[in-house]
Amino acid sequence: MKTINNTRAVWWFWFKEFLPTPERKAHYPIACAGALVFCLVAGLNAAESARVLYDFGTNTAGRYPRSKLVQGPDGFLYGTTEFGGASNLGQVYKLKPDGSGYTALKDFAGGDGAFPLAGLVLSGTTLYGTASSGGLTNCGVIFRLQTDGSDYAVIRHFSGLYEIGSCDGGSPTAGLTLADDTLYGTTEYGGAHGNGTVFKLKTDGSGFVVIKDFTSGAGVRPQAGVTLAGATLYGTTAMDAIVGTVYKVNTDGTGFAVLHNFGLQDGANPRSDLVVSGTTLYGTAQAGGLYGYGLVFKINNDGSGFTPLKHFRGAHDGAAPAGGLTLWGPSCLEPQPD
């Protein structure tokens, strides 16, 4: 399994992600138009130019992809769209790296999930993912299907959104992390305090466990997934403790710690997965920073050494980075002059 880090694909999916739409304005009040390619993500050679591989825009072919792609051993790229599909509730698709061969693998219908916001993880020929809504109680699902679109199954129906004490959480807006036969993820809402959870479960849907129930004062509403390094999960929360946190927790639920509390000038509302390189974590904050348009940061995994790497300036060089980073070589991720 490998996630796509092709420069042209990064350009395309970041561009589409930030296009404001009537549906997104209704669900997500923060939406910013703009195309973003910069050295911190994937750097374009001066002689290269971006090229659109595939143009979404119809319900049949899905609409508004928000997430990274994953490439299978068959060479196809697999992803999701938030809207579109037969019921306009989202779609899982595949296409070839040259943009041809687009195939809808799954159109969500509501009871089996709706509005997938995150990308997929792949194990062999099986794809795993989340849908932020739909399911038995309209609180979101975890699903699996084969790369040919067969054998779709919901392996977890979430049961609670805003209700305090809804133990398993609700609205999984982030993707999953796969390690052996265990999936790790987050829900934005629900849990014992109604503020979101970190969870794990087996790939067959058994063994569901809430690893962490978020509480006010230690970060709430995780909209990003978790990144696994050894036996420790690293992630971010988008709210609370002023405007979000970076945290860590062990896979058995012990050792929870807030590594950083954001405070506006150093970023706000992180919504993307972290990238780990050695003992350093890299990520983005969608808002805040020197100019209020978000930033890229790094921090050591013990919470020390928090450093903004890039403050965005809006129309000048991009804004509101909601997508994650792809680490490609050691030389790009260095502080940039403001």
C-alpha atoms as a PDB file:
ATOM      1  CA  MET A   1       0.000   0.000   0.000  1.00  0.00           C
ATOM      2  CA  LYS A   2       1.178   3.532  -0.680  1.00  0.00           C
ATOM      3  CA  THR A   3      -0.500   6.934  -0.578  1.00  0.00           C
ATOM      4  CA  ILE A   4      -0.187   8.980  -3.720  1.00  0.00           C
ATOM      5  CA  ASN A   5       2.331  11.791  -3.458  1.00  0.00           C
ATOM      6  CA  ASN A   6       2.400  12.812  -7.096  1.00  0.00           C
ATOM      7  CA  THR A   7       2.691  16.595  -7.374  1.00  0.00           C
ATOM      8  CA  ARG A   8      -0.054  16.932  -9.947  1.00  0.00           C
ATOM      9  CA  ALA A   9      -2.480  14.909  -7.830  1.00  0.00           C
ATOM     10  CA  VAL A  10      -1.695  17.069  -4.788  1.00  0.00           C
ATOM     11  CA  TRP A  11      -2.484  20.201  -6.814  1.00  0.00           C
ATOM     12  CA  TRP A  12      -5.743  18.847  -8.127  1.00  0.00           C
ATOM     13  CA  PHE A  13      -7.176  17.569  -4.884  1.00  0.00           C
ATOM     14  CA  TRP A  14      -6.192  20.583  -2.849  1.00  0.00           C
ATOM     15  CA  PHE A  15      -7.780  22.844  -5.450  1.00  0.00           C
ATOM     16  CA  LYS A  16     -11.095  21.000  -5.479  1.00  0.00           C
ATOM     17  CA  GLU A  17     -11.164  20.627  -1.718  1.00  0.00           C
ATOM     18  CA  PHE A  18     -11.399  24.364  -1.098  1.00  0.00           C
ATOM     19  CA  LEU A  19     -13.985  25.260  -3.701  1.00  0.00           C
ATOM     20  CA  PRO A  20     -17.011  26.657  -1.835  1.00  0.00           C
ATOM     21  CA  THR A  21     -20.268  24.928  -2.760  1.00  0.00           C
ATOM     22  CA  PRO A  22     -23.892  25.373  -1.658  1.00  0.00           C
ATOM     23  CA  GLU A  23     -23.770  22.000   0.121  1.00  0.00           C
ATOM     24  CA  ARG A  24     -20.482  22.747   1.850  1.00  0.00           C
ATOM     25  CA  LYS A  25     -21.607  26.240   2.888  1.00  0.00           C
ATOM     26  CA  ALA A  26     -24.553  24.588   4.622  1.00  0.00           C
ATOM     27  CA  HIS A  27     -22.397  22.025   6.454  1.00  0.00           C
ATOM     28  CA  TYR A  28     -19.000  23.724   6.732  1.00  0.00           C
ATOM     29  CA  PRO A  29     -18.998  27.489   7.281  1.00  0.00           C
ATOM     30  CA  ILE A  30     -15.230  27.729   6.691  1.00  0.00           C
ATOM     31  CA  ALA A  31     -14.570  27.285   2.975  1.00  0.00           C
ATOM     32  CA  CYS A  32     -11.918  29.043   0.956  1.00  0.00           C
ATOM     33  CA  ALA A  33     -11.298  28.915  -2.772  1.00  0.00           C
ATOM     34  CA  GLY A  34      -7.777  28.554  -4.001  1.00  0.00           C
ATOM     35  CA  ALA A  35      -5.153  26.311  -5.505  1.00  0.00           C
ATOM     36  CA  LEU A  36      -2.180  25.437  -3.369  1.00  0.00           C
ATOM     37  CA  VAL A  37       1.129  23.920  -4.311  1.00  0.00           C
ATOM     38  CA  PHE A  38       4.200  24.767  -2.264  1.00  0.00           C
ATOM     39  CA  CYS A  39       7.566  23.282  -1.348  1.00  0.00           C
ATOM     40  CA  LEU A  40       6.373  22.133   2.060  1.00  0.00           C
ATOM     41  CA  VAL A  41       3.970  19.715   0.399  1.00  0.00           C
ATOM     42  CA  ALA A  42       5.457  18.540  -2.828  1.00  0.00           C
ATOM     43  CA  GLY A  43       7.351  21.236  -4.735  1.00  0.00           C
ATOM     44  CA  LEU A  44       6.923  21.729  -8.470  1.00  0.00           C
ATOM     45  CA  ASN A  45       9.916  21.841 -10.731  1.00  0.00           C
ATOM     46  CA  ALA A  46       9.995  25.208 -12.462  1.00  0.00           C
ATOM     47  CA  ALA A  47       9.749  23.469 -15.831  1.00  0.00           C
ATOM     48  CA  GLU A  48       6.633  21.519 -14.831  1.00  0.00           C
ATOM     49  CA  SER A  49       3.024  22.610 -14.862  1.00  0.00           C
ATOM     50  CA  ALA A  50      -0.053  21.216 -13.148  1.00  0.00           C
ATOM     51  CA  ARG A  51      -2.437  19.106 -15.197  1.00  0.00           C
ATOM     52  CA  VAL A  52      -6.010  18.112 -14.391  1.00  0.00           C
ATOM     53  CA  LEU A  53      -6.290  14.336 -14.465  1.00  0.00           C
ATOM     54  CA  TYR A  54     -10.043  14.103 -14.003  1.00  0.00           C
ATOM     55  CA  ASP A  55     -12.838  16.656 -13.792  1.00  0.00           C
ATOM     56  CA  PHE A  56     -15.510  15.842 -11.219  1.00  0.00           C
ATOM     57  CA  GLY A  57     -18.835  17.582 -11.511  1.00  0.00           C
ATOM     58  CA  THR A  58     -21.735  15.195 -12.065  1.00  0.00           C
ATOM     59  CA  ASN A  59     -23.665  13.071  -9.603  1.00  0.00           C
ATOM     60  CA  THR A  60     -22.864   9.967 -11.628  1.00  0.00           C
ATOM     61  CA  ALA A  61     -19.128  10.532 -11.330  1.00  0.00           C
ATOM     62  CA  GLY A  62     -19.157  11.932  -7.817  1.00  0.00           C
ATOM     63  CA  ARG A  63     -18.585  15.495  -6.664  1.00  0.00           C
ATOM     64  CA  TYR A  64     -16.152  17.317  -4.382  1.00  0.00           C
ATOM     65  CA  PRO A  65     -13.297  15.002  -3.427  1.00  0.00           C
ATOM     66  CA  ARG A  66     -11.800  16.122  -0.121  1.00  0.00           C
ATOM     67  CA  SER A  67      -9.145  13.548   0.656  1.00  0.00           C
ATOM     68  CA  LYS A  68      -5.894  11.941  -0.364  1.00  0.00           C
ATOM     69  CA  LEU A  69      -5.774   9.013  -2.741  1.00  0.00           C
ATOM     70  CA  VAL A  70      -4.401   5.555  -2.058  1.00  0.00           C
ATOM     71  CA  GLN A  71      -2.754   3.530  -4.823  1.00  0.00           C
ATOM     72  CA  GLY A  72      -3.329  -0.199  -5.040  1.00  0.00           C
ATOM     73  CA  PRO A  73      -0.995  -2.906  -6.333  1.00  0.00           C
ATOM     74  CA  ASP A  74      -3.089  -2.875  -9.511  1.00  0.00           C
ATOM     75  CA  GLY A  75      -1.926   0.689 -10.159  1.00  0.00           C
ATOM     76  CA  PHE A  76      -5.385   2.234  -9.717  1.00  0.00           C
ATOM     77  CA  LEU A  77      -5.953   5.235  -7.458  1.00  0.00           C
ATOM     78  CA  TYR A  78      -8.796   4.908  -4.959  1.00  0.00           C
ATOM     79  CA  GLY A  79     -10.680   7.741  -3.279  1.00  0.00           C
ATOM     80  CA  THR A  80     -13.995   9.174  -2.106  1.00  0.00           C
ATOM     81  CA  THR A  81     -16.211  12.114  -2.954  1.00  0.00           C
ATOM     82  CA  GLU A  82     -18.273  13.912  -0.340  1.00  0.00           C
ATOM     83  CA  PHE A  83     -21.278  14.340  -2.628  1.00  0.00           C
ATOM     84  CA  GLY A  84     -22.477  12.884  -5.897  1.00  0.00           C
ATOM     85  CA  GLY A  85     -23.353   9.319  -6.688  1.00  0.00           C
ATOM     86  CA  ALA A  86     -26.838   7.995  -7.366  1.00  0.00           C
ATOM     87  CA  SER A  87     -28.282   9.541  -4.174  1.00  0.00           C
ATOM     88  CA  ASN A  88     -25.942  12.554  -3.963  1.00  0.00           C
ATOM     89  CA  LEU A  89     -24.634  11.150  -0.662  1.00  0.00           C
ATOM     90  CA  GLY A  90     -21.100  10.435  -1.778  1.00  0.00           C
ATOM     91  CA  GLN A  91     -19.135   7.823  -3.659  1.00  0.00           C
ATOM     92  CA  VAL A  92     -16.095   5.544  -3.573  1.00  0.00           C
ATOM     93  CA  TYR A  93     -14.265   5.493  -6.914  1.00  0.00           C
ATOM     94  CA  LYS A  94     -11.117   4.391  -8.691  1.00  0.00           C
ATOM     95  CA  LEU A  95      -9.246   5.683 -11.716  1.00  0.00           C
ATOM     96  CA  LYS A  96      -5.920   5.168 -13.452  1.00  0.00           C
ATOM     97  CA  PRO A  97      -2.974   7.479 -12.743  1.00  0.00           C
ATOM     98  CA  ASP A  98      -3.389   9.057 -16.188  1.00  0.00           C
ATOM     99  CA  GLY A  99      -6.982  10.026 -15.321  1.00  0.00           C
ATOM    100  CA  SER A 100      -8.688   7.372 -17.458  1.00  0.00           C
ATOM    101  CA  GLY A 101     -10.825   4.455 -16.346  1.00  0.00           C
ATOM    102  CA  TYR A 102     -12.946   6.281 -13.763  1.00  0.00           C
ATOM    103  CA  THR A 103     -15.214   3.721 -12.083  1.00  0.00           C
ATOM    104  CA  ALA A 104     -17.762   4.235  -9.312  1.00  0.00           C
ATOM    105  CA  LEU A 105     -17.297   1.416  -6.800  1.00  0.00           C
ATOM    106  CA  LYS A 106     -19.947   2.438  -4.272  1.00  0.00           C
ATOM    107  CA  ASP A 107     -22.748   5.015  -4.208  1.00  0.00           C
ATOM    108  CA  PHE A 108     -23.830   5.709  -0.647  1.00  0.00           C
ATOM    109  CA  ALA A 109     -27.552   5.536   0.033  1.00  0.00           C
ATOM    110  CA  GLY A 110     -27.915   6.761   3.632  1.00  0.00           C
ATOM    111  CA  GLY A 111     -28.597   3.603   5.577  1.00  0.00           C
ATOM    112  CA  ASP A 112     -25.196   2.279   4.568  1.00  0.00           C
ATOM    113  CA  GLY A 113     -23.406   5.584   5.120  1.00  0.00           C
ATOM    114  CA  ALA A 114     -23.356   9.106   3.696  1.00  0.00           C
ATOM    115  CA  PHE A 115     -20.921  11.962   3.020  1.00  0.00           C
ATOM    116  CA  PRO A 116     -17.485  10.327   3.243  1.00  0.00           C
ATOM    117  CA  LEU A 117     -14.991  13.084   3.993  1.00  0.00           C
ATOM    118  CA  ALA A 118     -11.809  11.055   4.361  1.00  0.00           C
ATOM    119  CA  GLY A 119      -9.624   8.852   2.216  1.00  0.00           C
ATOM    120  CA  LEU A 120      -9.308   5.091   2.272  1.00  0.00           C
ATOM    121  CA  VAL A 121      -6.802   2.577   3.615  1.00  0.00           C
ATOM    122  CA  LEU A 122      -5.974  -0.540   1.654  1.00  0.00           C
ATOM    123  CA  SER A 123      -5.009  -4.030   2.782  1.00  0.00           C
ATOM    124  CA  GLY A 124      -4.564  -6.497  -0.047  1.00  0.00           C
ATOM    125  CA  THR A 125      -7.696  -6.012  -2.139  1.00  0.00           C
ATOM    126  CA  THR A 126      -9.830  -4.648   0.702  1.00  0.00           C
ATOM    127  CA  LEU A 127     -10.542  -0.955   1.192  1.00  0.00           C
ATOM    128  CA  TYR A 128     -11.564   0.475   4.578  1.00  0.00           C
ATOM    129  CA  GLY A 129     -13.070   3.892   5.175  1.00  0.00           C
ATOM    130  CA  THR A 130     -15.468   6.102   7.095  1.00  0.00           C
ATOM    131  CA  ALA A 131     -18.662   7.949   6.230  1.00  0.00           C
ATOM    132  CA  SER A 132     -19.374  10.969   8.405  1.00  0.00           C
ATOM    133  CA  SER A 133     -23.140  10.484   8.422  1.00  0.00           C
ATOM    134  CA  GLY A 134     -25.774   7.883   7.620  1.00  0.00           C
ATOM    135  CA  GLY A 135     -26.010   4.414   9.085  1.00  0.00           C
ATOM    136  CA  LEU A 136     -28.624   3.034  11.468  1.00  0.00           C
ATOM    137  CA  THR A 137     -28.768   6.180  13.621  1.00  0.00           C
ATOM    138  CA  ASN A 138     -27.397   8.691  11.088  1.00  0.00           C
ATOM    139  CA  CYS A 139     -24.221   9.064  13.140  1.00  0.00           C
ATOM    140  CA  GLY A 140     -21.767   7.661  10.614  1.00  0.00           C
ATOM    141  CA  VAL A 141     -20.203   4.300   9.793  1.00  0.00           C
ATOM    142  CA  ILE A 142     -16.976   2.417   9.195  1.00  0.00           C
ATOM    143  CA  PHE A 143     -17.113   0.345   6.009  1.00  0.00           C
ATOM    144  CA  ARG A 144     -15.124  -2.050   3.874  1.00  0.00           C
ATOM    145  CA  LEU A 145     -15.334  -3.145   0.236  1.00  0.00           C
ATOM    146  CA  GLN A 146     -13.203  -4.860  -2.343  1.00  0.00           C
ATOM    147  CA  THR A 147     -11.228  -2.960  -4.959  1.00  0.00           C
ATOM    148  CA  ASP A 148     -13.632  -4.254  -7.632  1.00  0.00           C
ATOM    149  CA  GLY A 149     -16.590  -2.742  -5.717  1.00  0.00           C
ATOM    150  CA  SER A 150     -17.924  -6.045  -4.395  1.00  0.00           C
ATOM    151  CA  ASP A 151     -18.564  -7.188  -0.811  1.00  0.00           C
ATOM    152  CA  TYR A 152     -19.499  -3.785   0.620  1.00  0.00           C
ATOM    153  CA  ALA A 153     -20.232  -4.068   4.341  1.00  0.00           C
ATOM    154  CA  VAL A 154     -20.666  -1.708   7.265  1.00  0.00           C
ATOM    155  CA  ILE A 155     -18.476  -3.017  10.082  1.00  0.00           C
ATOM    156  CA  ARG A 156     -19.500  -0.350  12.612  1.00  0.00           C
ATOM    157  CA  HIS A 157     -22.593   1.857  12.980  1.00  0.00           C
ATOM    158  CA  PHE A 158     -21.929   4.762  15.359  1.00  0.00           C
ATOM    159  CA  SER A 159     -24.698   5.676  17.781  1.00  0.00           C
ATOM    160  CA  GLY A 160     -24.219   9.154  19.184  1.00  0.00           C
ATOM    161  CA  LEU A 161     -23.467  12.709  18.088  1.00  0.00           C
ATOM    162  CA  TYR A 162     -24.087  15.440  20.648  1.00  0.00           C
ATOM    163  CA  GLU A 163     -25.461  13.285  23.439  1.00  0.00           C
ATOM    164  CA  ILE A 164     -23.249  13.068  26.496  1.00  0.00           C
ATOM    165  CA  GLY A 165     -22.728   9.422  27.334  1.00  0.00           C
ATOM    166  CA  SER A 166     -23.165   8.081  23.797  1.00  0.00           C
ATOM    167  CA  CYS A 167     -20.288   5.751  24.400  1.00  0.00           C
ATOM    168  CA  ASP A 168     -18.995   4.922  20.943  1.00  0.00           C
ATOM    169  CA  GLY A 169     -19.031   8.408  19.401  1.00  0.00           C
ATOM    170  CA  GLY A 170     -20.483   9.854  16.225  1.00  0.00           C
ATOM    171  CA  SER A 171     -19.508  11.566  12.959  1.00  0.00           C
ATOM    172  CA  PRO A 172     -16.181  10.003  11.945  1.00  0.00           C
ATOM    173  CA  THR A 173     -14.932  12.786   9.688  1.00  0.00           C
ATOM    174  CA  ALA A 174     -11.337  11.512   9.506  1.00  0.00           C
ATOM    175  CA  GLY A 175      -9.820   8.463   7.894  1.00  0.00           C
ATOM    176  CA  LEU A 176      -8.504   5.297   9.488  1.00  0.00           C
ATOM    177  CA  THR A 177      -5.032   4.042  10.343  1.00  0.00           C
ATOM    178  CA  LEU A 178      -4.409   0.332   9.747  1.00  0.00           C
ATOM    179  CA  ALA A 179      -1.854  -1.709  11.696  1.00  0.00           C
ATOM    180  CA  ASP A 180      -1.944  -5.494  11.217  1.00  0.00           C
ATOM    181  CA  ASP A 181      -5.635  -6.370  11.730  1.00  0.00           C
ATOM    182  CA  THR A 182      -6.534  -3.276  13.790  1.00  0.00           C
ATOM    183  CA  LEU A 183      -8.073  -0.016  12.603  1.00  0.00           C
ATOM    184  CA  TYR A 184      -7.631   3.223  14.581  1.00  0.00           C
ATOM    185  CA  GLY A 185      -9.672   6.380  14.131  1.00  0.00           C
ATOM    186  CA  THR A 186     -11.555   9.302  15.660  1.00  0.00           C
ATOM    187  CA  THR A 187     -15.096  10.615  15.907  1.00  0.00           C
ATOM    188  CA  GLU A 188     -15.747  14.337  16.057  1.00  0.00           C
ATOM    189  CA  TYR A 189     -18.686  14.031  18.444  1.00  0.00           C
ATOM    190  CA  GLY A 190     -20.162  11.630  20.971  1.00  0.00           C
ATOM    191  CA  GLY A 191     -18.348   9.649  23.594  1.00  0.00           C
ATOM    192  CA  ALA A 192     -18.764   9.894  27.349  1.00  0.00           C
ATOM    193  CA  HIS A 193     -18.626  13.697  27.291  1.00  0.00           C
ATOM    194  CA  GLY A 194     -20.026  14.405  23.844  1.00  0.00           C
ATOM    195  CA  ASN A 195     -16.714  15.867  22.676  1.00  0.00           C
ATOM    196  CA  GLY A 196     -15.413  13.097  20.431  1.00  0.00           C
ATOM    197  CA  THR A 197     -13.335   9.938  20.774  1.00  0.00           C
ATOM    198  CA  VAL A 198     -10.322   7.963  19.660  1.00  0.00           C
ATOM    199  CA  PHE A 199     -11.229   4.324  18.962  1.00  0.00           C
ATOM    200  CA  LYS A 200      -9.902   1.033  17.662  1.00  0.00           C
ATOM    201  CA  LEU A 201     -11.512  -2.097  16.242  1.00  0.00           C
ATOM    202  CA  LYS A 202     -10.576  -5.207  14.284  1.00  0.00           C
ATOM    203  CA  THR A 203     -10.922  -5.256  10.508  1.00  0.00           C
ATOM    204  CA  ASP A 204     -13.867  -7.675  10.855  1.00  0.00           C
ATOM    205  CA  GLY A 205     -15.691  -5.131  13.065  1.00  0.00           C
ATOM    206  CA  SER A 206     -15.130  -6.945  16.350  1.00  0.00           C
ATOM    207  CA  GLY A 207     -13.292  -5.679  19.417  1.00  0.00           C
ATOM    208  CA  PHE A 208     -14.469  -2.066  19.275  1.00  0.00           C
ATOM    209  CA  VAL A 209     -12.886  -0.045  22.095  1.00  0.00           C
ATOM    210  CA  VAL A 210     -12.931   3.679  22.859  1.00  0.00           C
ATOM    211  CA  ILE A 211      -9.324   4.567  23.626  1.00  0.00           C
ATOM    212  CA  LYS A 212      -9.949   8.171  24.620  1.00  0.00           C
ATOM    213  CA  ASP A 213     -13.026  10.246  25.466  1.00  0.00           C
ATOM    214  CA  PHE A 214     -12.186  13.910  24.968  1.00  0.00           C
ATOM    215  CA  THR A 215     -13.047  16.339  27.756  1.00  0.00           C
ATOM    216  CA  SER A 216     -13.232  20.104  27.828  1.00  0.00           C
ATOM    217  CA  GLY A 217      -9.872  21.610  28.683  1.00  0.00           C
ATOM    218  CA  ALA A 218      -7.856  18.854  27.011  1.00  0.00           C
ATOM    219  CA  GLY A 219      -9.059  19.324  23.445  1.00  0.00           C
ATOM    220  CA  VAL A 220     -12.412  18.510  21.849  1.00  0.00           C
ATOM    221  CA  ARG A 221     -13.840  17.686  18.407  1.00  0.00           C
ATOM    222  CA  PRO A 222     -11.025  15.811  16.667  1.00  0.00           C
ATOM    223  CA  GLN A 223     -11.524  16.236  12.933  1.00  0.00           C
ATOM    224  CA  ALA A 224      -8.213  14.619  12.013  1.00  0.00           C
ATOM    225  CA  GLY A 225      -7.279  10.971  12.233  1.00  0.00           C
ATOM    226  CA  VAL A 226      -4.457   9.495  14.273  1.00  0.00           C
ATOM    227  CA  THR A 227      -0.918   8.675  13.179  1.00  0.00           C
ATOM    228  CA  LEU A 228       0.703   5.573  14.670  1.00  0.00           C
ATOM    229  CA  ALA A 229       4.364   5.446  15.685  1.00  0.00           C
ATOM    230  CA  GLY A 230       5.322   2.409  17.717  1.00  0.00           C
ATOM    231  CA  ALA A 231       2.589   1.966  20.321  1.00  0.00           C
ATOM    232  CA  THR A 232       1.637   5.656  20.377  1.00  0.00           C
ATOM    233  CA  LEU A 233      -1.062   7.489  18.450  1.00  0.00           C
ATOM    234  CA  TYR A 234      -0.614  11.181  17.617  1.00  0.00           C
ATOM    235  CA  GLY A 235      -3.411  13.512  16.560  1.00  0.00           C
ATOM    236  CA  THR A 236      -5.027  16.929  16.803  1.00  0.00           C
ATOM    237  CA  THR A 237      -8.275  18.380  18.092  1.00  0.00           C
ATOM    238  CA  ALA A 238      -9.859  21.306  16.296  1.00  0.00           C
ATOM    239  CA  MET A 239     -11.413  23.071  19.278  1.00  0.00           C
ATOM    240  CA  ASP A 240     -11.056  23.813  22.997  1.00  0.00           C
ATOM    241  CA  ALA A 241      -7.981  24.808  24.984  1.00  0.00           C
ATOM    242  CA  ILE A 242      -8.458  28.074  23.075  1.00  0.00           C
ATOM    243  CA  VAL A 243      -8.381  26.804  19.461  1.00  0.00           C
ATOM    244  CA  GLY A 244      -7.146  23.223  19.322  1.00  0.00           C
ATOM    245  CA  THR A 245      -4.415  20.872  20.474  1.00  0.00           C
ATOM    246  CA  VAL A 246      -1.796  18.336  19.455  1.00  0.00           C
ATOM    247  CA  TYR A 247      -2.053  15.201  21.604  1.00  0.00           C
ATOM    248  CA  LYS A 248      -0.714  11.693  22.039  1.00  0.00           C
ATOM    249  CA  VAL A 249      -2.206   8.538  23.548  1.00  0.00           C
ATOM    250  CA  ASN A 250      -1.016   4.952  23.684  1.00  0.00           C
ATOM    251  CA  THR A 251      -2.923   2.307  21.740  1.00  0.00           C
ATOM    252  CA  ASP A 252      -4.142   0.789  25.036  1.00  0.00           C
ATOM    253  CA  GLY A 253      -5.591   4.138  26.155  1.00  0.00           C
ATOM    254  CA  THR A 254      -2.875   5.021  28.650  1.00  0.00           C
ATOM    255  CA  GLY A 255      -0.454   7.913  28.510  1.00  0.00           C
ATOM    256  CA  PHE A 256      -2.747  10.596  27.141  1.00  0.00           C
ATOM    257  CA  ALA A 257      -1.016  13.977  27.025  1.00  0.00           C
ATOM    258  CA  VAL A 258      -1.591  17.320  25.344  1.00  0.00           C
ATOM    259  CA  LEU A 259       1.627  18.206  23.527  1.00  0.00           C
ATOM    260  CA  HIS A 260       0.614  21.684  22.393  1.00  0.00           C
ATOM    261  CA  ASN A 261      -2.248  24.117  22.914  1.00  0.00           C
ATOM    262  CA  PHE A 262      -2.771  26.405  19.930  1.00  0.00           C
ATOM    263  CA  GLY A 263      -3.279  30.099  20.684  1.00  0.00           C
ATOM    264  CA  LEU A 264      -4.197  31.825  17.394  1.00  0.00           C
ATOM    265  CA  GLN A 265      -0.843  33.419  16.531  1.00  0.00           C
ATOM    266  CA  ASP A 266       0.778  29.984  16.458  1.00  0.00           C
ATOM    267  CA  GLY A 267      -2.162  28.492  14.576  1.00  0.00           C
ATOM    268  CA  ALA A 268      -5.757  27.483  15.192  1.00  0.00           C
ATOM    269  CA  ASN A 269      -8.205  24.710  14.332  1.00  0.00           C
ATOM    270  CA  PRO A 270      -5.907  21.919  13.049  1.00  0.00           C
ATOM    271  CA  ARG A 271      -7.987  19.538  10.939  1.00  0.00           C
ATOM    272  CA  SER A 272      -5.481  17.297   9.161  1.00  0.00           C
ATOM    273  CA  ASP A 273      -3.514  14.192  10.060  1.00  0.00           C
ATOM    274  CA  LEU A 274       0.014  14.571  11.371  1.00  0.00           C
ATOM    275  CA  VAL A 275       3.079  13.235   9.569  1.00  0.00           C
ATOM    276  CA  VAL A 276       5.802  11.553  11.636  1.00  0.00           C
ATOM    277  CA  SER A 277       9.469  11.583  10.706  1.00  0.00           C
ATOM    278  CA  GLY A 278      11.733  10.215  13.430  1.00  0.00           C
ATOM    279  CA  THR A 279      10.813  12.107  16.595  1.00  0.00           C
ATOM    280  CA  THR A 280       9.264  15.046  14.726  1.00  0.00           C
ATOM    281  CA  LEU A 281       5.576  15.616  13.952  1.00  0.00           C
ATOM    282  CA  TYR A 282       4.492  17.838  11.043  1.00  0.00           C
ATOM    283  CA  GLY A 283       1.007  19.240  10.497  1.00  0.00           C
ATOM    284  CA  THR A 284      -1.183  22.142   9.420  1.00  0.00           C
ATOM    285  CA  ALA A 285      -3.518  24.521  11.217  1.00  0.00           C
ATOM    286  CA  GLN A 286      -6.419  25.780   9.145  1.00  0.00           C
ATOM    287  CA  ALA A 287      -6.617  29.211  10.766  1.00  0.00           C
ATOM    288  CA  GLY A 288      -4.535  31.561  12.879  1.00  0.00           C
ATOM    289  CA  GLY A 289      -0.891  32.345  12.352  1.00  0.00           C
ATOM    290  CA  LEU A 290       0.627  35.758  11.707  1.00  0.00           C
ATOM    291  CA  TYR A 291      -1.867  36.608   8.955  1.00  0.00           C
ATOM    292  CA  GLY A 292      -4.892  34.587  10.095  1.00  0.00           C
ATOM    293  CA  TYR A 293      -4.841  32.218   7.119  1.00  0.00           C
ATOM    294  CA  GLY A 294      -3.301  29.157   8.780  1.00  0.00           C
ATOM    295  CA  LEU A 295       0.158  27.660   8.875  1.00  0.00           C
ATOM    296  CA  VAL A 296       2.376  24.603   8.637  1.00  0.00           C
ATOM    297  CA  PHE A 297       4.156  23.553  11.842  1.00  0.00           C
ATOM    298  CA  LYS A 298       6.485  20.990  13.356  1.00  0.00           C
ATOM    299  CA  ILE A 299       6.771  19.760  16.935  1.00  0.00           C
ATOM    300  CA  ASN A 300       8.781  17.077  18.696  1.00  0.00           C
ATOM    301  CA  ASN A 301       6.862  14.037  19.889  1.00  0.00           C
ATOM    302  CA  ASP A 302       7.506  14.995  23.527  1.00  0.00           C
ATOM    303  CA  GLY A 303       5.819  18.378  22.993  1.00  0.00           C
ATOM    304  CA  SER A 304       8.983  20.448  22.769  1.00  0.00           C
ATOM    305  CA  GLY A 305      10.261  22.480  19.862  1.00  0.00           C
ATOM    306  CA  PHE A 306       6.998  23.760  18.389  1.00  0.00           C
ATOM    307  CA  THR A 307       7.955  25.764  15.286  1.00  0.00           C
ATOM    308  CA  PRO A 308       5.796  27.376  12.586  1.00  0.00           C
ATOM    309  CA  LEU A 309       7.311  26.518   9.213  1.00  0.00           C
ATOM    310  CA  LYS A 310       5.053  28.596   6.987  1.00  0.00           C
ATOM    311  CA  HIS A 311       2.455  31.289   7.682  1.00  0.00           C
ATOM    312  CA  PHE A 312      -0.043  31.608   4.824  1.00  0.00           C
ATOM    313  CA  ARG A 313      -1.066  35.034   3.527  1.00  0.00           C
ATOM    314  CA  GLY A 314      -4.298  34.374   1.661  1.00  0.00           C
ATOM    315  CA  ALA A 315      -4.334  35.396  -1.992  1.00  0.00           C
ATOM    316  CA  HIS A 316      -0.569  35.785  -1.889  1.00  0.00           C
ATOM    317  CA  ASP A 317       0.270  32.115  -1.339  1.00  0.00           C
ATOM    318  CA  GLY A 318      -2.803  30.178  -0.156  1.00  0.00           C
ATOM    319  CA  ALA A 319      -5.113  29.939   2.826  1.00  0.00           C
ATOM    320  CA  ALA A 320      -6.916  27.571   5.180  1.00  0.00           C
ATOM    321  CA  PRO A 321      -4.872  24.354   4.713  1.00  0.00           C
ATOM    322  CA  ALA A 322      -7.370  21.643   5.606  1.00  0.00           C
ATOM    323  CA  GLY A 323      -5.507  18.872   3.800  1.00  0.00           C
ATOM    324  CA  GLY A 324      -2.611  16.946   5.272  1.00  0.00           C
ATOM    325  CA  LEU A 325       1.039  16.959   4.292  1.00  0.00           C
ATOM    326  CA  THR A 326       3.002  14.431   2.281  1.00  0.00           C
ATOM    327  CA  LEU A 327       6.631  14.185   3.341  1.00  0.00           C
ATOM    328  CA  TRP A 328       8.826  13.895   0.283  1.00  0.00           C
ATOM    329  CA  GLY A 329      12.534  14.256   0.958  1.00  0.00           C
ATOM    330  CA  PRO A 330      14.225  15.897   3.957  1.00  0.00           C
ATOM    331  CA  SER A 331      15.113  19.286   2.495  1.00  0.00           C
ATOM    332  CA  CYS A 332      11.718  20.877   1.941  1.00  0.00           C
ATOM    333  CA  LEU A 333      10.324  21.010   5.472  1.00  0.00           C
ATOM    334  CA  GLU A 334      12.267  23.973   6.786  1.00  0.00           C
ATOM    335  CA  PRO A 335      11.022  27.310   8.149  1.00  0.00           C
ATOM    336  CA  GLN A 336      10.072  29.704   5.352  1.00  0.00           C
ATOM    337  CA  PRO A 337      10.595  33.507   5.487  1.00  0.00           C
ATOM    338  CA  ASP A 338       7.391  35.481   6.134  1.00  0.00           C
END
